[in-house]
Amino acid sequence: MIVDWHPIETAPKDGTNFLVCSGMWMTVASWHRTHQCLVTNGPTYERYPADEHPTHWMPLPEPPNV
């Protein structure tokens, strides 16, 4: 299954986790409803500096069948 990258403006804002990319790096992130910003999904909910903001997103893949 091939999934294309989407502009970051179309990313879900319902708390769903998704993959984000700035062109230089990728990580898992979600929209933080309280702070109204995109955050990494670590224990600190790191916010992205404006100059490092992701430009694209895609849904996370399904986990493997184990």
Protein backbone atom coordinates (compact mmCIF):
# COMPACT_ATOMS: atom_id res chain seq x y z
CA MET A 1 0.00 0.00 0.00
CA ILE A 2 1.44 3.36 -1.04
CA VAL A 3 0.35 6.44 0.88
CA ASP A 4 1.20 9.90 -0.39
CA TRP A 5 2.35 12.84 1.69
CA HIS A 6 -0.26 15.57 2.29
CA PRO A 7 0.23 19.29 3.00
CA ILE A 8 0.50 19.88 6.76
CA GLU A 9 -2.51 22.22 6.62
CA THR A 10 -4.72 19.17 5.98
CA ALA A 11 -3.44 17.14 8.97
CA PRO A 12 -6.06 15.83 11.43
CA LYS A 13 -6.75 18.02 14.45
CA ASP A 14 -8.56 15.39 16.52
CA GLY A 15 -5.57 14.05 18.48
CA THR A 16 -4.78 11.31 15.95
CA ASN A 17 -1.11 10.34 15.68
CA PHE A 18 0.47 10.73 12.23
CA LEU A 19 3.89 10.90 10.59
CA VAL A 20 5.22 14.40 9.86
CA CYS A 21 8.14 15.52 7.71
CA SER A 22 9.98 18.80 7.21
CA GLY A 23 12.10 17.53 4.34
CA MET A 24 15.07 17.09 6.69
CA TRP A 25 13.52 14.83 9.36
CA MET A 26 10.44 12.73 10.19
CA THR A 27 8.67 11.97 13.48
CA VAL A 28 5.29 11.03 14.89
CA ALA A 29 3.14 13.95 16.00
CA SER A 30 -0.42 14.98 16.77
CA TRP A 31 -2.46 18.17 17.19
CA HIS A 32 -2.59 19.31 20.82
CA ARG A 33 -6.10 20.69 21.30
CA THR A 34 -5.33 22.64 24.48
CA HIS A 35 -2.29 24.45 23.09
CA GLN A 36 -3.63 24.53 19.49
CA CYS A 37 -0.33 23.45 18.00
CA LEU A 38 1.42 20.44 16.50
CA VAL A 39 3.46 18.47 19.06
CA THR A 40 5.74 15.45 19.09
CA ASN A 41 4.35 12.47 20.93
CA GLY A 42 7.00 12.24 23.60
CA PRO A 43 6.64 12.74 27.35
CA THR A 44 7.26 16.50 27.06
CA TYR A 45 4.92 17.30 24.15
CA GLU A 46 7.64 19.30 22.45
CA ARG A 47 6.40 22.12 20.23
CA TYR A 48 8.05 22.82 16.90
CA PRO A 49 9.92 26.09 16.38
CA ALA A 50 8.44 28.09 13.50
CA ASP A 51 11.51 27.55 11.32
CA GLU A 52 11.38 23.76 11.83
CA HIS A 53 7.65 23.25 11.41
CA PRO A 54 6.71 20.15 9.43
CA THR A 55 5.51 20.76 5.89
CA HIS A 56 3.80 17.40 5.16
CA TRP A 57 2.05 14.52 6.92
CA MET A 58 0.79 10.99 6.24
CA PRO A 59 -1.18 8.42 8.25
CA LEU A 60 0.80 5.94 10.30
CA PRO A 61 1.02 2.46 8.76
CA GLU A 62 -0.87 -0.46 10.24
CA PRO A 63 1.17 -2.44 12.77
CA PRO A 64 2.48 -5.83 11.64
CA ASN A 65 0.45 -8.97 12.29
CA VAL A 66 2.39 -10.75 14.98
